[in-house]
Amino acid sequence: MNDIENLRIERADFEFIYNYVSSGARVLDLGCGEGDLLYLLKQKKIRGQGIEKDEDSIYKCIEKGLIVHHGDLDDGLAHHLDKSFDFVILNQTIQETRHPGKVILEALRIGKKTIVGFPNFGYWQIRFKLLFTGATPITDILPYRWYNTPNLHFLSSIDFEEFCESQEIQIEEKVFFSGRKKIFFRPNFFAKLALYVISK
């Protein structure tokens, strides 16, 4: 088992997405980073490509044999046709964009389904650290200090579901994790990570 396959075992979000995306699907990974998820999905014979703005990460993707374009998601995705992909993935990406609502709606335009994953800011440890220390929380899923974080927006699962309702976005599936453990009871309080499959 190689390092990329190990990530599937270690990361619940990768495992969920790997199992959800069908073999042979057309996939666009927005903010794909170094391409680990895209490379993993490639093992299922998906037809995938990514968009990433960090040049060093793009070189890592190329080394993995991936098709990745340089671009900033906030600049728009107008060059992609409507419903040109089966799945558009925004895994731990939307909180780093300037206009996450706009990016999500564009992803829904070009994909038949969109998979959105993000750190849940409603997680109990984050709430308690903010309440008792008064300082910006640092956790394993939000490991940055306020001055060097790439995250521009912090949202909870409740925030995301309210957004979906306001935009008439259909939530087809949702799953919550704390580490590898799937959370069913009060996920906005007990889950570190939220994943949604949405469509419009």
N, C-alpha and C. Protein backbone atom coordinates (compact mmCIF):
# COMPACT_ATOMS: atom_id res chain seq x y z
N MET A 1 0.86 -1.20 0.00
CA MET A 1 0.00 0.00 0.00
C MET A 1 0.89 1.25 0.00
N ASN A 2 0.66 2.17 -0.98
CA ASN A 2 1.49 3.36 -1.06
C ASN A 2 0.96 4.49 -0.17
N ASP A 3 1.71 5.59 -0.14
CA ASP A 3 1.36 6.70 0.75
C ASP A 3 0.00 7.29 0.42
N ILE A 4 -0.35 7.37 -0.86
CA ILE A 4 -1.63 7.94 -1.26
C ILE A 4 -2.77 7.04 -0.79
N GLU A 5 -2.62 5.74 -0.96
CA GLU A 5 -3.64 4.80 -0.50
C GLU A 5 -3.77 4.84 1.02
N ASN A 6 -2.66 5.08 1.71
CA ASN A 6 -2.72 5.23 3.16
C ASN A 6 -3.59 6.42 3.57
N LEU A 7 -3.55 7.49 2.76
CA LEU A 7 -4.37 8.66 3.05
C LEU A 7 -5.85 8.31 3.04
N ARG A 8 -6.23 7.40 2.15
CA ARG A 8 -7.62 6.97 2.09
C ARG A 8 -8.04 6.34 3.42
N ILE A 9 -7.14 5.59 4.03
CA ILE A 9 -7.44 4.94 5.30
C ILE A 9 -7.42 5.96 6.44
N GLU A 10 -6.47 6.89 6.40
CA GLU A 10 -6.28 7.84 7.49
C GLU A 10 -7.30 8.98 7.48
N ARG A 11 -7.74 9.39 6.30
CA ARG A 11 -8.62 10.56 6.20
C ARG A 11 -10.03 10.14 5.83
N ALA A 12 -10.95 10.40 6.75
CA ALA A 12 -12.34 10.01 6.54
C ALA A 12 -12.95 10.73 5.34
N ASP A 13 -12.55 11.98 5.10
CA ASP A 13 -13.10 12.72 3.96
C ASP A 13 -12.67 12.07 2.64
N PHE A 14 -11.41 11.65 2.53
CA PHE A 14 -10.95 10.98 1.32
C PHE A 14 -11.69 9.66 1.12
N GLU A 15 -11.87 8.92 2.19
CA GLU A 15 -12.56 7.62 2.10
C GLU A 15 -13.99 7.79 1.61
N PHE A 16 -14.70 8.80 2.18
CA PHE A 16 -16.08 9.04 1.78
C PHE A 16 -16.16 9.41 0.30
N ILE A 17 -15.32 10.35 -0.12
CA ILE A 17 -15.35 10.82 -1.50
C ILE A 17 -14.96 9.69 -2.46
N TYR A 18 -13.95 8.92 -2.10
CA TYR A 18 -13.51 7.79 -2.93
C TYR A 18 -14.66 6.80 -3.14
N ASN A 19 -15.39 6.51 -2.09
CA ASN A 19 -16.50 5.55 -2.18
C ASN A 19 -17.71 6.14 -2.90
N TYR A 20 -17.89 7.46 -2.82
CA TYR A 20 -19.09 8.09 -3.39
C TYR A 20 -18.96 8.30 -4.90
N VAL A 21 -17.79 8.70 -5.34
CA VAL A 21 -17.60 9.02 -6.77
C VAL A 21 -17.53 7.72 -7.58
N SER A 22 -18.34 7.64 -8.59
CA SER A 22 -18.43 6.42 -9.39
C SER A 22 -17.26 6.29 -10.35
N SER A 23 -16.88 5.07 -10.64
CA SER A 23 -15.80 4.78 -11.58
C SER A 23 -16.15 5.34 -12.95
N GLY A 24 -15.17 5.99 -13.58
CA GLY A 24 -15.38 6.56 -14.90
C GLY A 24 -15.99 7.94 -14.91
N ALA A 25 -16.32 8.49 -13.75
CA ALA A 25 -16.96 9.80 -13.67
C ALA A 25 -16.00 10.91 -14.10
N ARG A 26 -16.59 12.00 -14.60
CA ARG A 26 -15.83 13.21 -14.91
C ARG A 26 -15.79 14.06 -13.65
N VAL A 27 -14.58 14.37 -13.17
CA VAL A 27 -14.41 15.02 -11.88
C VAL A 27 -13.53 16.26 -12.02
N LEU A 28 -13.97 17.34 -11.39
CA LEU A 28 -13.16 18.56 -11.28
C LEU A 28 -12.93 18.85 -9.81
N ASP A 29 -11.67 18.87 -9.41
CA ASP A 29 -11.30 19.13 -8.01
C ASP A 29 -10.83 20.58 -7.90
N LEU A 30 -11.63 21.41 -7.25
CA LEU A 30 -11.33 22.84 -7.11
C LEU A 30 -10.49 23.07 -5.86
N GLY A 31 -9.32 23.67 -6.06
CA GLY A 31 -8.40 23.84 -4.93
C GLY A 31 -7.81 22.50 -4.55
N CYS A 32 -7.24 21.82 -5.54
CA CYS A 32 -6.84 20.42 -5.37
C CYS A 32 -5.54 20.24 -4.60
N GLY A 33 -4.86 21.34 -4.25
CA GLY A 33 -3.61 21.22 -3.50
C GLY A 33 -2.57 20.45 -4.27
N GLU A 34 -1.93 19.49 -3.60
CA GLU A 34 -0.88 18.70 -4.25
C GLU A 34 -1.44 17.50 -5.00
N GLY A 35 -2.76 17.39 -5.07
CA GLY A 35 -3.40 16.39 -5.92
C GLY A 35 -3.58 15.02 -5.31
N ASP A 36 -3.45 14.91 -3.99
CA ASP A 36 -3.56 13.59 -3.36
C ASP A 36 -4.93 12.95 -3.58
N LEU A 37 -6.00 13.73 -3.39
CA LEU A 37 -7.35 13.18 -3.58
C LEU A 37 -7.58 12.84 -5.05
N LEU A 38 -7.18 13.71 -5.94
CA LEU A 38 -7.37 13.48 -7.37
C LEU A 38 -6.60 12.24 -7.82
N TYR A 39 -5.40 12.07 -7.31
CA TYR A 39 -4.59 10.89 -7.64
C TYR A 39 -5.25 9.62 -7.12
N LEU A 40 -5.80 9.70 -5.92
CA LEU A 40 -6.51 8.55 -5.35
C LEU A 40 -7.72 8.18 -6.21
N LEU A 41 -8.49 9.17 -6.62
CA LEU A 41 -9.65 8.92 -7.46
C LEU A 41 -9.26 8.37 -8.83
N LYS A 42 -8.08 8.74 -9.28
CA LYS A 42 -7.60 8.25 -10.57
C LYS A 42 -7.46 6.73 -10.57
N GLN A 43 -7.26 6.15 -9.38
CA GLN A 43 -7.16 4.69 -9.27
C GLN A 43 -8.50 4.03 -9.61
N LYS A 44 -9.60 4.80 -9.56
CA LYS A 44 -10.91 4.28 -9.94
C LYS A 44 -11.24 4.59 -11.41
N LYS A 45 -10.23 5.02 -12.15
CA LYS A 45 -10.39 5.32 -13.58
C LYS A 45 -11.34 6.49 -13.83
N ILE A 46 -11.37 7.45 -12.89
CA ILE A 46 -12.17 8.65 -13.15
C ILE A 46 -11.43 9.51 -14.17
N ARG A 47 -12.19 10.37 -14.85
CA ARG A 47 -11.59 11.32 -15.78
C ARG A 47 -11.54 12.65 -15.03
N GLY A 48 -10.39 12.95 -14.47
CA GLY A 48 -10.30 14.08 -13.54
C GLY A 48 -9.31 15.14 -13.93
N GLN A 49 -9.58 16.33 -13.42
CA GLN A 49 -8.65 17.44 -13.53
C GLN A 49 -8.85 18.35 -12.33
N GLY A 50 -7.88 19.20 -12.09
CA GLY A 50 -7.96 20.08 -10.93
C GLY A 50 -7.67 21.52 -11.29
N ILE A 51 -8.01 22.39 -10.36
CA ILE A 51 -7.64 23.80 -10.45
C ILE A 51 -6.96 24.17 -9.14
N GLU A 52 -5.81 24.80 -9.23
CA GLU A 52 -5.03 25.16 -8.04
C GLU A 52 -4.28 26.45 -8.31
N LYS A 53 -4.17 27.31 -7.31
CA LYS A 53 -3.47 28.59 -7.52
C LYS A 53 -2.03 28.58 -7.05
N ASP A 54 -1.65 27.61 -6.20
CA ASP A 54 -0.29 27.56 -5.68
C ASP A 54 0.61 26.82 -6.67
N GLU A 55 1.63 27.48 -7.18
CA GLU A 55 2.46 26.90 -8.24
C GLU A 55 3.25 25.70 -7.75
N ASP A 56 3.76 25.74 -6.52
CA ASP A 56 4.51 24.59 -5.99
C ASP A 56 3.61 23.35 -5.92
N SER A 57 2.35 23.56 -5.54
CA SER A 57 1.41 22.43 -5.48
C SER A 57 1.12 21.89 -6.87
N ILE A 58 1.05 22.78 -7.86
CA ILE A 58 0.81 22.35 -9.24
C ILE A 58 1.95 21.44 -9.72
N TYR A 59 3.18 21.79 -9.39
CA TYR A 59 4.31 20.95 -9.79
C TYR A 59 4.19 19.55 -9.18
N LYS A 60 3.72 19.48 -7.93
CA LYS A 60 3.51 18.19 -7.27
C LYS A 60 2.45 17.38 -8.01
N CYS A 61 1.40 18.07 -8.47
CA CYS A 61 0.35 17.39 -9.23
C CYS A 61 0.89 16.83 -10.54
N ILE A 62 1.70 17.63 -11.22
CA ILE A 62 2.27 17.20 -12.50
C ILE A 62 3.14 15.96 -12.30
N GLU A 63 3.89 15.94 -11.18
CA GLU A 63 4.72 14.78 -10.87
C GLU A 63 3.88 13.51 -10.71
N LYS A 64 2.63 13.69 -10.29
CA LYS A 64 1.72 12.54 -10.12
C LYS A 64 1.00 12.20 -11.42
N GLY A 65 1.28 12.94 -12.48
CA GLY A 65 0.64 12.67 -13.76
C GLY A 65 -0.77 13.20 -13.87
N LEU A 66 -1.08 14.23 -13.10
CA LEU A 66 -2.44 14.79 -13.08
C LEU A 66 -2.57 16.00 -14.00
N ILE A 67 -3.78 16.21 -14.48
CA ILE A 67 -4.08 17.40 -15.28
C ILE A 67 -4.60 18.47 -14.33
N VAL A 68 -3.81 19.51 -14.16
CA VAL A 68 -4.18 20.58 -13.23
C VAL A 68 -3.91 21.93 -13.88
N HIS A 69 -4.89 22.83 -13.77
CA HIS A 69 -4.78 24.16 -14.34
C HIS A 69 -4.52 25.17 -13.25
N HIS A 70 -3.73 26.16 -13.58
CA HIS A 70 -3.45 27.24 -12.64
C HIS A 70 -4.61 28.23 -12.67
N GLY A 71 -5.16 28.52 -11.49
CA GLY A 71 -6.26 29.48 -11.45
C GLY A 71 -6.72 29.78 -10.04
N ASP A 72 -7.34 30.92 -9.88
CA ASP A 72 -7.91 31.34 -8.61
C ASP A 72 -9.43 31.17 -8.72
N LEU A 73 -10.00 30.41 -7.82
CA LEU A 73 -11.44 30.12 -7.87
C LEU A 73 -12.27 31.38 -7.80
N ASP A 74 -11.80 32.39 -7.10
CA ASP A 74 -12.54 33.63 -6.96
C ASP A 74 -12.60 34.43 -8.26
N ASP A 75 -11.73 34.07 -9.21
CA ASP A 75 -11.76 34.75 -10.51
C ASP A 75 -12.85 34.19 -11.41
N GLY A 76 -13.47 33.11 -10.98
CA GLY A 76 -14.59 32.57 -11.74
C GLY A 76 -14.24 31.33 -12.52
N LEU A 77 -15.28 30.62 -12.94
CA LEU A 77 -15.13 29.37 -13.69
C LEU A 77 -15.92 29.43 -15.00
N ALA A 78 -16.01 30.64 -15.55
CA ALA A 78 -16.88 30.88 -16.72
C ALA A 78 -16.48 30.05 -17.93
N HIS A 79 -15.21 29.64 -18.03
CA HIS A 79 -14.75 28.89 -19.19
C HIS A 79 -15.25 27.44 -19.18
N HIS A 80 -15.89 27.00 -18.08
CA HIS A 80 -16.44 25.64 -18.01
C HIS A 80 -17.92 25.68 -18.37
N LEU A 81 -18.35 24.73 -19.19
CA LEU A 81 -19.73 24.65 -19.64
C LEU A 81 -20.63 24.10 -18.53
N ASP A 82 -21.91 24.42 -18.63
CA ASP A 82 -22.90 23.92 -17.67
C ASP A 82 -22.90 22.39 -17.68
N LYS A 83 -22.91 21.81 -16.46
CA LYS A 83 -23.01 20.36 -16.26
C LYS A 83 -21.98 19.58 -17.09
N SER A 84 -20.78 20.13 -17.18
CA SER A 84 -19.73 19.47 -17.95
C SER A 84 -18.97 18.43 -17.12
N PHE A 85 -19.27 18.35 -15.81
CA PHE A 85 -18.65 17.35 -14.95
C PHE A 85 -19.73 16.62 -14.17
N ASP A 86 -19.45 15.36 -13.87
CA ASP A 86 -20.37 14.59 -13.02
C ASP A 86 -20.26 15.05 -11.57
N PHE A 87 -19.02 15.30 -11.13
CA PHE A 87 -18.77 15.75 -9.76
C PHE A 87 -17.79 16.92 -9.76
N VAL A 88 -18.12 17.93 -8.99
CA VAL A 88 -17.16 19.00 -8.69
C VAL A 88 -16.88 18.90 -7.19
N ILE A 89 -15.60 18.88 -6.84
CA ILE A 89 -15.21 18.69 -5.44
C ILE A 89 -14.63 19.98 -4.88
N LEU A 90 -15.16 20.37 -3.74
CA LEU A 90 -14.65 21.50 -2.95
C LEU A 90 -14.35 20.97 -1.55
N ASN A 91 -13.26 20.24 -1.44
CA ASN A 91 -12.95 19.61 -0.15
C ASN A 91 -11.97 20.46 0.65
N GLN A 92 -12.47 21.06 1.72
CA GLN A 92 -11.69 21.95 2.59
C GLN A 92 -11.06 23.09 1.78
N THR A 93 -11.91 23.66 0.94
CA THR A 93 -11.49 24.73 0.03
C THR A 93 -12.31 26.00 0.20
N ILE A 94 -13.63 25.86 0.40
CA ILE A 94 -14.49 27.04 0.36
C ILE A 94 -14.15 28.06 1.43
N GLN A 95 -13.65 27.61 2.59
CA GLN A 95 -13.34 28.56 3.66
C GLN A 95 -12.11 29.41 3.33
N GLU A 96 -11.39 29.02 2.28
CA GLU A 96 -10.19 29.77 1.87
C GLU A 96 -10.48 30.73 0.71
N THR A 97 -11.71 30.77 0.23
CA THR A 97 -12.05 31.66 -0.88
C THR A 97 -12.62 32.97 -0.36
N ARG A 98 -12.51 34.01 -1.18
CA ARG A 98 -13.05 35.33 -0.78
C ARG A 98 -14.58 35.34 -0.88
N HIS A 99 -15.11 34.63 -1.85
CA HIS A 99 -16.56 34.63 -2.09
C HIS A 99 -17.07 33.20 -2.17
N PRO A 100 -17.15 32.51 -1.02
CA PRO A 100 -17.51 31.09 -1.05
C PRO A 100 -18.88 30.81 -1.64
N GLY A 101 -19.86 31.69 -1.40
CA GLY A 101 -21.19 31.48 -1.96
C GLY A 101 -21.16 31.45 -3.48
N LYS A 102 -20.44 32.38 -4.06
CA LYS A 102 -20.32 32.46 -5.52
C LYS A 102 -19.62 31.22 -6.07
N VAL A 103 -18.57 30.76 -5.38
CA VAL A 103 -17.81 29.60 -5.82
C VAL A 103 -18.69 28.34 -5.79
N ILE A 104 -19.48 28.20 -4.73
CA ILE A 104 -20.38 27.04 -4.62
C ILE A 104 -21.40 27.04 -5.74
N LEU A 105 -21.98 28.20 -6.03
CA LEU A 105 -22.99 28.27 -7.09
C LEU A 105 -22.39 27.98 -8.46
N GLU A 106 -21.16 28.41 -8.68
CA GLU A 106 -20.48 28.09 -9.94
C GLU A 106 -20.19 26.58 -10.03
N ALA A 107 -19.79 26.01 -8.91
CA ALA A 107 -19.53 24.56 -8.89
C ALA A 107 -20.80 23.79 -9.22
N LEU A 108 -21.93 24.26 -8.70
CA LEU A 108 -23.22 23.61 -8.99
C LEU A 108 -23.64 23.79 -10.44
N ARG A 109 -23.21 24.89 -11.05
CA ARG A 109 -23.55 25.13 -12.45
C ARG A 109 -22.81 24.15 -13.36
N ILE A 110 -21.54 23.93 -13.08
CA ILE A 110 -20.72 23.12 -13.99
C ILE A 110 -20.71 21.64 -13.63
N GLY A 111 -21.20 21.30 -12.43
CA GLY A 111 -21.23 19.90 -12.03
C GLY A 111 -22.65 19.40 -11.79
N LYS A 112 -22.89 18.14 -12.11
CA LYS A 112 -24.19 17.55 -11.82
C LYS A 112 -24.39 17.42 -10.31
N LYS A 113 -23.29 17.11 -9.62
CA LYS A 113 -23.29 17.08 -8.16
C LYS A 113 -22.00 17.74 -7.66
N THR A 114 -22.10 18.36 -6.50
CA THR A 114 -20.93 18.99 -5.89
C THR A 114 -20.73 18.40 -4.50
N ILE A 115 -19.49 18.05 -4.20
CA ILE A 115 -19.14 17.55 -2.88
C ILE A 115 -18.38 18.65 -2.15
N VAL A 116 -18.92 19.08 -1.01
CA VAL A 116 -18.33 20.16 -0.23
C VAL A 116 -17.93 19.63 1.14
N GLY A 117 -16.68 19.83 1.50
CA GLY A 117 -16.21 19.45 2.82
C GLY A 117 -15.51 20.62 3.49
N PHE A 118 -15.75 20.79 4.81
CA PHE A 118 -15.12 21.91 5.51
C PHE A 118 -14.99 21.61 7.00
N PRO A 119 -14.02 22.26 7.67
CA PRO A 119 -13.93 22.14 9.12
C PRO A 119 -15.16 22.78 9.76
N ASN A 120 -15.78 22.07 10.68
CA ASN A 120 -16.99 22.56 11.33
C ASN A 120 -16.64 23.47 12.51
N PHE A 121 -16.89 24.76 12.34
CA PHE A 121 -16.54 25.73 13.38
C PHE A 121 -17.47 25.63 14.59
N GLY A 122 -18.54 24.85 14.47
CA GLY A 122 -19.43 24.63 15.61
C GLY A 122 -18.96 23.54 16.55
N TYR A 123 -17.84 22.89 16.22
CA TYR A 123 -17.30 21.79 17.04
C TYR A 123 -17.06 22.25 18.47
N TRP A 124 -17.38 21.39 19.43
CA TRP A 124 -17.41 21.79 20.84
C TRP A 124 -16.07 22.30 21.36
N GLN A 125 -14.95 21.72 20.91
CA GLN A 125 -13.65 22.19 21.41
C GLN A 125 -13.36 23.62 20.96
N ILE A 126 -13.79 23.94 19.74
CA ILE A 126 -13.60 25.30 19.24
C ILE A 126 -14.43 26.27 20.07
N ARG A 127 -15.69 25.90 20.33
CA ARG A 127 -16.57 26.74 21.15
C ARG A 127 -15.96 26.98 22.54
N PHE A 128 -15.49 25.91 23.17
CA PHE A 128 -14.98 26.01 24.53
C PHE A 128 -13.69 26.83 24.59
N LYS A 129 -12.81 26.62 23.63
CA LYS A 129 -11.55 27.38 23.63
C LYS A 129 -11.81 28.87 23.46
N LEU A 130 -12.76 29.19 22.59
CA LEU A 130 -13.11 30.60 22.40
C LEU A 130 -13.76 31.17 23.65
N LEU A 131 -14.63 30.38 24.28
CA LEU A 131 -15.34 30.84 25.47
C LEU A 131 -14.40 31.04 26.65
N PHE A 132 -13.51 30.08 26.89
CA PHE A 132 -12.70 30.11 28.10
C PHE A 132 -11.37 30.84 27.96
N THR A 133 -10.82 30.92 26.75
CA THR A 133 -9.55 31.62 26.59
C THR A 133 -9.73 32.99 25.95
N GLY A 134 -10.83 33.16 25.19
CA GLY A 134 -11.05 34.42 24.50
C GLY A 134 -10.14 34.63 23.31
N ALA A 135 -9.38 33.58 22.96
CA ALA A 135 -8.43 33.67 21.84
C ALA A 135 -8.92 32.81 20.68
N THR A 136 -8.46 33.14 19.48
CA THR A 136 -8.82 32.36 18.31
C THR A 136 -8.37 30.91 18.50
N PRO A 137 -9.29 29.95 18.39
CA PRO A 137 -8.95 28.55 18.66
C PRO A 137 -7.97 27.97 17.65
N ILE A 138 -7.08 27.10 18.13
CA ILE A 138 -6.18 26.33 17.28
C ILE A 138 -6.46 24.86 17.58
N THR A 139 -6.85 24.13 16.54
CA THR A 139 -7.15 22.71 16.70
C THR A 139 -6.44 21.93 15.60
N ASP A 140 -6.57 20.59 15.65
CA ASP A 140 -5.90 19.78 14.63
C ASP A 140 -6.46 20.02 13.24
N ILE A 141 -7.73 20.39 13.14
CA ILE A 141 -8.33 20.64 11.83
C ILE A 141 -8.27 22.12 11.44
N LEU A 142 -8.03 22.99 12.41
CA LEU A 142 -7.78 24.42 12.17
C LEU A 142 -6.47 24.78 12.88
N PRO A 143 -5.34 24.32 12.33
CA PRO A 143 -4.08 24.39 13.05
C PRO A 143 -3.30 25.70 12.92
N TYR A 144 -3.96 26.75 12.42
CA TYR A 144 -3.24 28.00 12.13
C TYR A 144 -3.54 29.06 13.18
N ARG A 145 -2.61 30.00 13.28
CA ARG A 145 -2.87 31.19 14.10
C ARG A 145 -3.57 32.23 13.23
N TRP A 146 -4.16 33.22 13.87
CA TRP A 146 -4.97 34.19 13.13
C TRP A 146 -4.18 34.91 12.05
N TYR A 147 -2.86 35.06 12.23
CA TYR A 147 -2.08 35.87 11.29
C TYR A 147 -1.50 35.07 10.13
N ASN A 148 -1.58 33.72 10.18
CA ASN A 148 -1.04 32.96 9.05
C ASN A 148 -2.02 31.93 8.50
N THR A 149 -3.28 32.06 8.88
CA THR A 149 -4.27 31.10 8.40
C THR A 149 -4.68 31.38 6.95
N PRO A 150 -4.84 30.32 6.15
CA PRO A 150 -5.38 30.52 4.80
C PRO A 150 -6.90 30.66 4.81
N ASN A 151 -7.52 30.38 5.97
CA ASN A 151 -8.97 30.42 6.06
C ASN A 151 -9.47 31.85 6.19
N LEU A 152 -10.36 32.24 5.30
CA LEU A 152 -10.92 33.58 5.31
C LEU A 152 -12.31 33.60 5.94
N HIS A 153 -12.98 32.44 5.94
CA HIS A 153 -14.34 32.33 6.48
C HIS A 153 -14.41 31.11 7.38
N PHE A 154 -15.17 31.22 8.45
CA PHE A 154 -15.38 30.12 9.36
C PHE A 154 -16.87 29.83 9.39
N LEU A 155 -17.24 28.57 9.18
CA LEU A 155 -18.65 28.23 9.12
C LEU A 155 -18.91 26.92 9.84
N SER A 156 -20.15 26.77 10.28
CA SER A 156 -20.58 25.54 10.91
C SER A 156 -21.51 24.80 9.95
N SER A 157 -21.89 23.59 10.31
CA SER A 157 -22.83 22.84 9.47
C SER A 157 -24.18 23.54 9.42
N ILE A 158 -24.57 24.19 10.51
CA ILE A 158 -25.83 24.95 10.52
C ILE A 158 -25.77 26.10 9.52
N ASP A 159 -24.64 26.80 9.50
CA ASP A 159 -24.47 27.91 8.55
C ASP A 159 -24.60 27.41 7.12
N PHE A 160 -23.96 26.29 6.84
CA PHE A 160 -23.98 25.77 5.46
C PHE A 160 -25.38 25.35 5.06
N GLU A 161 -26.09 24.70 5.94
CA GLU A 161 -27.46 24.25 5.61
C GLU A 161 -28.41 25.44 5.44
N GLU A 162 -28.20 26.50 6.20
CA GLU A 162 -29.00 27.71 6.01
C GLU A 162 -28.72 28.34 4.65
N PHE A 163 -27.45 28.32 4.24
CA PHE A 163 -27.09 28.83 2.92
C PHE A 163 -27.79 28.02 1.83
N CYS A 164 -27.73 26.69 1.95
CA CYS A 164 -28.36 25.82 0.96
C CYS A 164 -29.86 26.09 0.86
N GLU A 165 -30.50 26.27 2.00
CA GLU A 165 -31.94 26.55 1.99
C GLU A 165 -32.24 27.88 1.31
N SER A 166 -31.43 28.88 1.60
CA SER A 166 -31.67 30.22 1.03
C SER A 166 -31.46 30.24 -0.48
N GLN A 167 -30.61 29.35 -0.99
CA GLN A 167 -30.29 29.30 -2.42
C GLN A 167 -31.03 28.19 -3.15
N GLU A 168 -31.95 27.52 -2.44
CA GLU A 168 -32.73 26.40 -3.00
C GLU A 168 -31.80 25.31 -3.55
N ILE A 169 -30.78 25.01 -2.79
CA ILE A 169 -29.84 23.94 -3.12
C ILE A 169 -30.28 22.67 -2.42
N GLN A 170 -30.29 21.59 -3.16
CA GLN A 170 -30.72 20.32 -2.58
C GLN A 170 -29.53 19.61 -1.93
N ILE A 171 -29.71 19.21 -0.67
CA ILE A 171 -28.70 18.40 0.03
C ILE A 171 -29.05 16.94 -0.20
N GLU A 172 -28.23 16.25 -0.97
CA GLU A 172 -28.51 14.86 -1.31
C GLU A 172 -27.98 13.90 -0.26
N GLU A 173 -26.88 14.27 0.35
CA GLU A 173 -26.30 13.42 1.39
C GLU A 173 -25.41 14.29 2.27
N LYS A 174 -25.33 13.94 3.55
CA LYS A 174 -24.43 14.64 4.45
C LYS A 174 -23.86 13.63 5.44
N VAL A 175 -22.60 13.86 5.79
CA VAL A 175 -21.93 12.96 6.72
C VAL A 175 -20.95 13.79 7.54
N PHE A 176 -20.76 13.38 8.79
CA PHE A 176 -19.95 14.15 9.73
C PHE A 176 -18.95 13.24 10.41
N PHE A 177 -17.76 13.79 10.66
CA PHE A 177 -16.70 12.99 11.26
C PHE A 177 -15.99 13.75 12.38
N SER A 178 -15.48 12.96 13.33
CA SER A 178 -14.50 13.43 14.29
C SER A 178 -13.35 12.43 14.20
N GLY A 179 -12.30 12.81 13.52
CA GLY A 179 -11.26 11.84 13.18
C GLY A 179 -11.84 10.83 12.20
N ARG A 180 -11.68 9.54 12.48
CA ARG A 180 -12.26 8.50 11.63
C ARG A 180 -13.68 8.15 12.04
N LYS A 181 -14.12 8.64 13.20
CA LYS A 181 -15.43 8.26 13.73
C LYS A 181 -16.54 9.07 13.08
N LYS A 182 -17.56 8.37 12.59
CA LYS A 182 -18.72 9.04 12.02
C LYS A 182 -19.63 9.52 13.14
N ILE A 183 -20.10 10.76 13.03
CA ILE A 183 -20.92 11.38 14.07
C ILE A 183 -22.37 11.46 13.60
N PHE A 184 -23.27 10.94 14.42
CA PHE A 184 -24.70 10.97 14.11
C PHE A 184 -25.47 11.90 15.06
N PHE A 185 -25.05 11.96 16.32
CA PHE A 185 -25.78 12.72 17.33
C PHE A 185 -25.22 14.14 17.42
N ARG A 186 -26.09 15.12 17.24
CA ARG A 186 -25.73 16.53 17.32
C ARG A 186 -24.41 16.84 16.61
N PRO A 187 -24.38 16.61 15.30
CA PRO A 187 -23.11 16.76 14.56
C PRO A 187 -22.54 18.16 14.58
N ASN A 188 -23.38 19.18 14.66
CA ASN A 188 -22.83 20.54 14.68
C ASN A 188 -22.02 20.80 15.95
N PHE A 189 -22.26 19.99 16.98
CA PHE A 189 -21.54 20.13 18.24
C PHE A 189 -20.37 19.16 18.35
N PHE A 190 -20.55 17.94 17.83
CA PHE A 190 -19.56 16.89 18.07
C PHE A 190 -18.68 16.57 16.86
N ALA A 191 -18.98 17.10 15.70
CA ALA A 191 -18.21 16.77 14.50
C ALA A 191 -17.14 17.82 14.21
N LYS A 192 -15.96 17.36 13.88
CA LYS A 192 -14.88 18.26 13.46
C LYS A 192 -14.99 18.63 11.98
N LEU A 193 -15.52 17.67 11.20
CA LEU A 193 -15.53 17.82 9.75
C LEU A 193 -16.91 17.52 9.21
N ALA A 194 -17.38 18.37 8.30
CA ALA A 194 -18.68 18.17 7.65
C ALA A 194 -18.48 17.96 6.16
N LEU A 195 -19.23 17.01 5.59
CA LEU A 195 -19.19 16.74 4.16
C LEU A 195 -20.61 16.69 3.63
N TYR A 196 -20.85 17.37 2.52
CA TYR A 196 -22.17 17.42 1.91
C TYR A 196 -22.07 17.09 0.43
N VAL A 197 -23.08 16.39 -0.07
CA VAL A 197 -23.26 16.22 -1.51
C VAL A 197 -24.49 17.03 -1.87
N ILE A 198 -24.32 18.00 -2.77
CA ILE A 198 -25.39 18.93 -3.09
C ILE A 198 -25.62 18.99 -4.60
N SER A 199 -26.79 19.46 -4.99
CA SER A 199 -27.11 19.62 -6.41
C SER A 199 -28.12 20.74 -6.56
N LYS A 200 -28.27 21.20 -7.81
CA LYS A 200 -29.23 22.27 -8.07
C LYS A 200 -29.77 22.12 -9.49
